[in-house]
Each structure stands twice: as structure tokens, then as C-alpha cells.
Amino acid sequence: MFKKLIFAAMFAVFASPLLATEALVLNQEESPLKIVGYTVSYKSPDRGIGDGTIVHRLTLENPSGASVVAYGVGFRTFDSFKRSMGRPFIGYDMSGVAVGSKATPIWENRALSAYLFRGYGIGVAYVSIVRMEDGTIWRADSNSISNQLTDLELDLTTPEDFE
């Protein structure tokens, strides 16, 4: 009986497809907010209608020494074939993050053909824009973002499927 259980467990592990969705964070040294956790997943459509959504879950912390009153996080998604899934998606949060605190926002992106993300898609997150309590606006360095995306060796061109 014990041998049968071990065999069944091994068969289940090796026979089932391994899903390897990746969640990557782009570094922004000067950002007032830091992304300390990021997961991304595909969510099937409700009632089986539509393409589904891509769900981005973050943990952000504010080590800046100043309160953040609003921010935006940029996301780039790449399908299971490492092709861009279209324009960047920016998730905004107007609730802010106090000094030394953490926030755990969740955004759902209704990308075209989102089902192509399922299993092996890649999500990339970066802090895009931040409004500080004193009214100062911090913006991500778009050249740094572009260079880091290029270094990932992903296809940054958008196929006709996603236009």
C-alpha cells in the first residue's frame, strides 16, 4: 500500500504539466517606493465568457522618509511565447503609503488574448509615478525601464494579435 502511494504521488508530480509563470521587478534606485513582492497569474473568465484577466499582486514599502499620497505601478506582460501583450498597463492607487509602511494592492488587467499568458507568461512590474505629501512628483526613468526590458531579451514589439 505504501509503495502504491509513493508511486501515485511521483506520477502526479512528473505527469502534470509544470506551470512556470514569471514575475519580474525592474529596479528603480531613486524611487520613493520599493516593490518587495510581486506575483502574477492568469484568471479564467467568469462564466467562461471572454479571454480572462492577468492578476498582479504586489507588496510595496515606503522607505523614503516622506508620506506617499498616490502612486502608479507599471506592468508589462509577455505571453507564453515571450511576445509583448501590448501597451504597458498602469495600476493607480490613490490611498497612499505612510512612511515605513507597506501596501498590498491588486490589479486585474483585461489584456487582449489574456489566455495566452496562462502557464508560461511573464509579468514585469516597476514603480511608474509617485505623488508625495508635499506635492512633489517622482517619475520613473523611462530610459532605465527600456534598457532593463531590453536586457531581459523579451520581444518588445507588439504582434498584430495584440493591437
C-alpha atoms as a PDB file:
ATOM      1  CA  MET A   1       0.000   0.000   0.000  1.00  0.00           C
ATOM      2  CA  PHE A   2       2.785   2.435   0.948  1.00  0.00           C
ATOM      3  CA  LYS A   3       4.650   1.761  -2.329  1.00  0.00           C
ATOM      4  CA  LYS A   4       1.451   2.437  -4.281  1.00  0.00           C
ATOM      5  CA  LEU A   5       1.022   5.800  -2.542  1.00  0.00           C
ATOM      6  CA  ILE A   6       4.600   6.844  -3.311  1.00  0.00           C
ATOM      7  CA  PHE A   7       4.240   5.768  -6.948  1.00  0.00           C
ATOM      8  CA  ALA A   8       0.940   7.640  -7.266  1.00  0.00           C
ATOM      9  CA  ALA A   9       2.486  10.788  -5.761  1.00  0.00           C
ATOM     10  CA  MET A  10       5.533  10.584  -8.043  1.00  0.00           C
ATOM     11  CA  PHE A  11       3.327  10.009 -11.079  1.00  0.00           C
ATOM     12  CA  ALA A  12       1.168  13.012 -10.205  1.00  0.00           C
ATOM     13  CA  VAL A  13       4.232  15.266  -9.855  1.00  0.00           C
ATOM     14  CA  PHE A  14       6.000  14.158 -13.025  1.00  0.00           C
ATOM     15  CA  ALA A  15       2.938  13.645 -15.211  1.00  0.00           C
ATOM     16  CA  SER A  16       1.319  17.004 -14.546  1.00  0.00           C
ATOM     17  CA  PRO A  17       2.484  19.987 -16.576  1.00  0.00           C
ATOM     18  CA  LEU A  18       4.545  22.428 -14.556  1.00  0.00           C
ATOM     19  CA  LEU A  19       3.345  25.994 -14.908  1.00  0.00           C
ATOM     20  CA  ALA A  20       6.184  28.483 -14.790  1.00  0.00           C
ATOM     21  CA  THR A  21       4.683  31.971 -14.849  1.00  0.00           C
ATOM     22  CA  GLU A  22       7.404  34.513 -14.031  1.00  0.00           C
ATOM     23  CA  ALA A  23       7.083  37.777 -12.097  1.00  0.00           C
ATOM     24  CA  LEU A  24       9.981  40.206 -12.512  1.00  0.00           C
ATOM     25  CA  VAL A  25      10.623  43.585 -10.874  1.00  0.00           C
ATOM     26  CA  LEU A  26      12.566  46.360 -12.586  1.00  0.00           C
ATOM     27  CA  ASN A  27      14.941  48.266 -10.337  1.00  0.00           C
ATOM     28  CA  GLN A  28      14.345  51.978  -9.751  1.00  0.00           C
ATOM     29  CA  GLU A  29      17.078  53.154  -7.339  1.00  0.00           C
ATOM     30  CA  GLU A  30      15.628  56.626  -6.761  1.00  0.00           C
ATOM     31  CA  SER A  31      12.018  55.519  -6.337  1.00  0.00           C
ATOM     32  CA  PRO A  32      10.352  56.549  -3.066  1.00  0.00           C
ATOM     33  CA  LEU A  33       8.509  53.204  -3.097  1.00  0.00           C
ATOM     34  CA  LYS A  34      10.119  49.773  -3.353  1.00  0.00           C
ATOM     35  CA  ILE A  35       8.427  46.676  -4.731  1.00  0.00           C
ATOM     36  CA  VAL A  36       9.326  43.939  -2.240  1.00  0.00           C
ATOM     37  CA  GLY A  37       6.948  41.274  -3.528  1.00  0.00           C
ATOM     38  CA  TYR A  38       5.232  40.588  -6.842  1.00  0.00           C
ATOM     39  CA  THR A  39       3.195  37.703  -8.182  1.00  0.00           C
ATOM     40  CA  VAL A  40       1.298  37.493 -11.431  1.00  0.00           C
ATOM     41  CA  SER A  41      -1.242  34.930 -12.581  1.00  0.00           C
ATOM     42  CA  TYR A  42      -3.898  34.209 -15.165  1.00  0.00           C
ATOM     43  CA  LYS A  43      -7.538  34.236 -14.038  1.00  0.00           C
ATOM     44  CA  SER A  44     -10.072  32.343 -16.163  1.00  0.00           C
ATOM     45  CA  PRO A  45     -13.042  34.346 -17.418  1.00  0.00           C
ATOM     46  CA  ASP A  46     -16.196  34.481 -15.344  1.00  0.00           C
ATOM     47  CA  ARG A  47     -18.882  32.121 -16.683  1.00  0.00           C
ATOM     48  CA  GLY A  48     -16.464  31.045 -19.428  1.00  0.00           C
ATOM     49  CA  ILE A  49     -17.006  34.205 -21.476  1.00  0.00           C
ATOM     50  CA  GLY A  50     -14.069  36.301 -22.682  1.00  0.00           C
ATOM     51  CA  ASP A  51     -10.293  35.967 -22.550  1.00  0.00           C
ATOM     52  CA  GLY A  52      -9.833  36.148 -18.773  1.00  0.00           C
ATOM     53  CA  THR A  53      -7.552  38.568 -16.945  1.00  0.00           C
ATOM     54  CA  ILE A  54      -3.995  38.873 -15.733  1.00  0.00           C
ATOM     55  CA  VAL A  55      -3.853  39.475 -11.967  1.00  0.00           C
ATOM     56  CA  HIS A  56      -0.956  41.475 -10.486  1.00  0.00           C
ATOM     57  CA  ARG A  57      -0.388  41.273  -6.710  1.00  0.00           C
ATOM     58  CA  LEU A  58       2.239  43.495  -5.120  1.00  0.00           C
ATOM     59  CA  THR A  59       3.790  44.306  -1.812  1.00  0.00           C
ATOM     60  CA  LEU A  60       5.249  47.803  -1.722  1.00  0.00           C
ATOM     61  CA  GLU A  61       7.076  49.549   1.085  1.00  0.00           C
ATOM     62  CA  ASN A  62       7.837  53.208   1.669  1.00  0.00           C
ATOM     63  CA  PRO A  63      11.412  53.624   2.940  1.00  0.00           C
ATOM     64  CA  SER A  64      11.645  57.229   1.654  1.00  0.00           C
ATOM     65  CA  GLY A  65      11.105  59.172   4.888  1.00  0.00           C
ATOM     66  CA  ALA A  66       8.123  61.041   3.379  1.00  0.00           C
ATOM     67  CA  SER A  67       4.487  60.048   3.034  1.00  0.00           C
ATOM     68  CA  VAL A  68       3.221  58.958  -0.375  1.00  0.00           C
ATOM     69  CA  VAL A  69      -0.351  60.057  -1.151  1.00  0.00           C
ATOM     70  CA  ALA A  70      -0.774  58.386  -4.553  1.00  0.00           C
ATOM     71  CA  TYR A  71       1.218  56.194  -6.911  1.00  0.00           C
ATOM     72  CA  GLY A  72       1.146  54.236 -10.126  1.00  0.00           C
ATOM     73  CA  VAL A  73       2.815  50.921 -10.893  1.00  0.00           C
ATOM     74  CA  GLY A  74       3.641  49.986 -14.473  1.00  0.00           C
ATOM     75  CA  PHE A  75       3.199  46.453 -15.755  1.00  0.00           C
ATOM     76  CA  ARG A  76       4.397  44.869 -18.976  1.00  0.00           C
ATOM     77  CA  THR A  77       3.098  41.428 -19.850  1.00  0.00           C
ATOM     78  CA  PHE A  78       4.511  38.861 -22.224  1.00  0.00           C
ATOM     79  CA  ASP A  79       2.625  35.790 -23.401  1.00  0.00           C
ATOM     80  CA  SER A  80       3.792  32.187 -23.159  1.00  0.00           C
ATOM     81  CA  PHE A  81       5.887  32.764 -26.294  1.00  0.00           C
ATOM     82  CA  LYS A  82       7.693  35.802 -24.770  1.00  0.00           C
ATOM     83  CA  ARG A  83       5.830  38.220 -27.055  1.00  0.00           C
ATOM     84  CA  SER A  84       4.645  41.586 -25.786  1.00  0.00           C
ATOM     85  CA  MET A  85       0.943  41.635 -24.953  1.00  0.00           C
ATOM     86  CA  GLY A  86       0.548  45.281 -25.890  1.00  0.00           C
ATOM     87  CA  ARG A  87       0.928  48.644 -24.248  1.00  0.00           C
ATOM     88  CA  PRO A  88       2.041  48.898 -20.622  1.00  0.00           C
ATOM     89  CA  PHE A  89      -0.743  48.730 -18.055  1.00  0.00           C
ATOM     90  CA  ILE A  90      -0.520  51.266 -15.215  1.00  0.00           C
ATOM     91  CA  GLY A  91      -2.326  50.499 -11.964  1.00  0.00           C
ATOM     92  CA  TYR A  92      -3.021  53.552  -9.798  1.00  0.00           C
ATOM     93  CA  ASP A  93      -3.665  53.671  -6.056  1.00  0.00           C
ATOM     94  CA  MET A  94      -4.892  56.907  -4.504  1.00  0.00           C
ATOM     95  CA  SER A  95      -4.823  55.645  -0.898  1.00  0.00           C
ATOM     96  CA  GLY A  96      -1.116  56.300  -0.373  1.00  0.00           C
ATOM     97  CA  VAL A  97       1.569  54.666   1.772  1.00  0.00           C
ATOM     98  CA  ALA A  98       2.754  56.139   5.080  1.00  0.00           C
ATOM     99  CA  VAL A  99       6.448  56.351   5.954  1.00  0.00           C
ATOM    100  CA  GLY A 100       7.794  52.911   6.877  1.00  0.00           C
ATOM    101  CA  SER A 101       4.513  51.216   5.937  1.00  0.00           C
ATOM    102  CA  LYS A 102       3.616  48.587   3.357  1.00  0.00           C
ATOM    103  CA  ALA A 103       0.761  48.348   0.866  1.00  0.00           C
ATOM    104  CA  THR A 104      -0.571  45.240  -0.883  1.00  0.00           C
ATOM    105  CA  PRO A 105      -2.520  46.368  -3.961  1.00  0.00           C
ATOM    106  CA  ILE A 106      -4.032  44.012  -6.520  1.00  0.00           C
ATOM    107  CA  TRP A 107      -4.847  44.923 -10.109  1.00  0.00           C
ATOM    108  CA  GLU A 108      -6.561  42.918 -12.844  1.00  0.00           C
ATOM    109  CA  ASN A 109      -5.557  43.636 -16.416  1.00  0.00           C
ATOM    110  CA  ARG A 110      -8.005  42.707 -19.174  1.00  0.00           C
ATOM    111  CA  ALA A 111      -5.387  42.291 -21.895  1.00  0.00           C
ATOM    112  CA  LEU A 112      -6.358  41.110 -25.364  1.00  0.00           C
ATOM    113  CA  SER A 113      -5.887  37.356 -25.658  1.00  0.00           C
ATOM    114  CA  ALA A 114      -5.061  37.152 -21.943  1.00  0.00           C
ATOM    115  CA  TYR A 115      -5.424  33.361 -22.144  1.00  0.00           C
ATOM    116  CA  LEU A 116      -2.030  33.281 -23.928  1.00  0.00           C
ATOM    117  CA  PHE A 117      -0.480  34.329 -20.603  1.00  0.00           C
ATOM    118  CA  ARG A 118      -1.706  31.156 -18.902  1.00  0.00           C
ATOM    119  CA  GLY A 119       1.039  28.829 -17.791  1.00  0.00           C
ATOM    120  CA  TYR A 120       4.214  30.471 -19.036  1.00  0.00           C
ATOM    121  CA  GLY A 121       3.569  34.201 -19.254  1.00  0.00           C
ATOM    122  CA  ILE A 122       5.923  36.813 -17.855  1.00  0.00           C
ATOM    123  CA  GLY A 123       4.860  39.846 -15.845  1.00  0.00           C
ATOM    124  CA  VAL A 124       7.185  42.779 -15.293  1.00  0.00           C
ATOM    125  CA  ALA A 125       6.460  45.443 -12.666  1.00  0.00           C
ATOM    126  CA  TYR A 126       8.038  48.789 -11.861  1.00  0.00           C
ATOM    127  CA  VAL A 127       7.129  51.907  -9.881  1.00  0.00           C
ATOM    128  CA  SER A 128       5.980  54.366 -12.540  1.00  0.00           C
ATOM    129  CA  ILE A 129       4.904  57.553 -10.755  1.00  0.00           C
ATOM    130  CA  VAL A 130       4.594  58.736  -7.152  1.00  0.00           C
ATOM    131  CA  ARG A 131       2.992  61.817  -5.588  1.00  0.00           C
ATOM    132  CA  MET A 132       4.488  62.785  -2.250  1.00  0.00           C
ATOM    133  CA  GLU A 133       2.553  64.508   0.529  1.00  0.00           C
ATOM    134  CA  ASP A 134       4.397  67.792  -0.146  1.00  0.00           C
ATOM    135  CA  GLY A 135       3.188  67.775  -3.780  1.00  0.00           C
ATOM    136  CA  THR A 136       6.459  66.538  -5.310  1.00  0.00           C
ATOM    137  CA  ILE A 137       6.001  64.165  -8.236  1.00  0.00           C
ATOM    138  CA  TRP A 138       8.572  61.420  -8.846  1.00  0.00           C
ATOM    139  CA  ARG A 139       8.588  59.713 -12.266  1.00  0.00           C
ATOM    140  CA  ALA A 140      10.358  56.559 -13.378  1.00  0.00           C
ATOM    141  CA  ASP A 141      13.336  56.959 -15.702  1.00  0.00           C
ATOM    142  CA  SER A 142      11.889  55.687 -18.990  1.00  0.00           C
ATOM    143  CA  ASN A 143      15.382  55.058 -20.426  1.00  0.00           C
ATOM    144  CA  SER A 144      16.265  52.844 -17.458  1.00  0.00           C
ATOM    145  CA  ILE A 145      12.990  50.935 -17.845  1.00  0.00           C
ATOM    146  CA  SER A 146      13.601  50.429 -21.585  1.00  0.00           C
ATOM    147  CA  ASN A 147      17.194  49.283 -21.014  1.00  0.00           C
ATOM    148  CA  GLN A 148      16.163  46.797 -18.327  1.00  0.00           C
ATOM    149  CA  LEU A 149      13.396  45.402 -20.550  1.00  0.00           C
ATOM    150  CA  THR A 150      15.881  45.019 -23.398  1.00  0.00           C
ATOM    151  CA  ASP A 151      18.289  43.183 -21.081  1.00  0.00           C
ATOM    152  CA  LEU A 152      15.546  40.617 -20.350  1.00  0.00           C
ATOM    153  CA  GLU A 153      15.699  39.543 -24.016  1.00  0.00           C
ATOM    154  CA  LEU A 154      11.942  39.615 -24.466  1.00  0.00           C
ATOM    155  CA  ASP A 155      10.235  40.513 -27.733  1.00  0.00           C
ATOM    156  CA  LEU A 156       9.211  44.121 -27.093  1.00  0.00           C
ATOM    157  CA  THR A 157       7.428  44.555 -30.414  1.00  0.00           C
ATOM    158  CA  THR A 158       3.685  44.140 -30.276  1.00  0.00           C
ATOM    159  CA  PRO A 159       2.359  41.445 -32.634  1.00  0.00           C
ATOM    160  CA  GLU A 160      -0.748  42.257 -34.654  1.00  0.00           C
ATOM    161  CA  ASP A 161      -2.683  39.880 -32.365  1.00  0.00           C
ATOM    162  CA  PHE A 162      -2.495  42.442 -29.530  1.00  0.00           C
ATOM    163  CA  GLU A 163      -3.010  45.726 -31.391  1.00  0.00           C
END
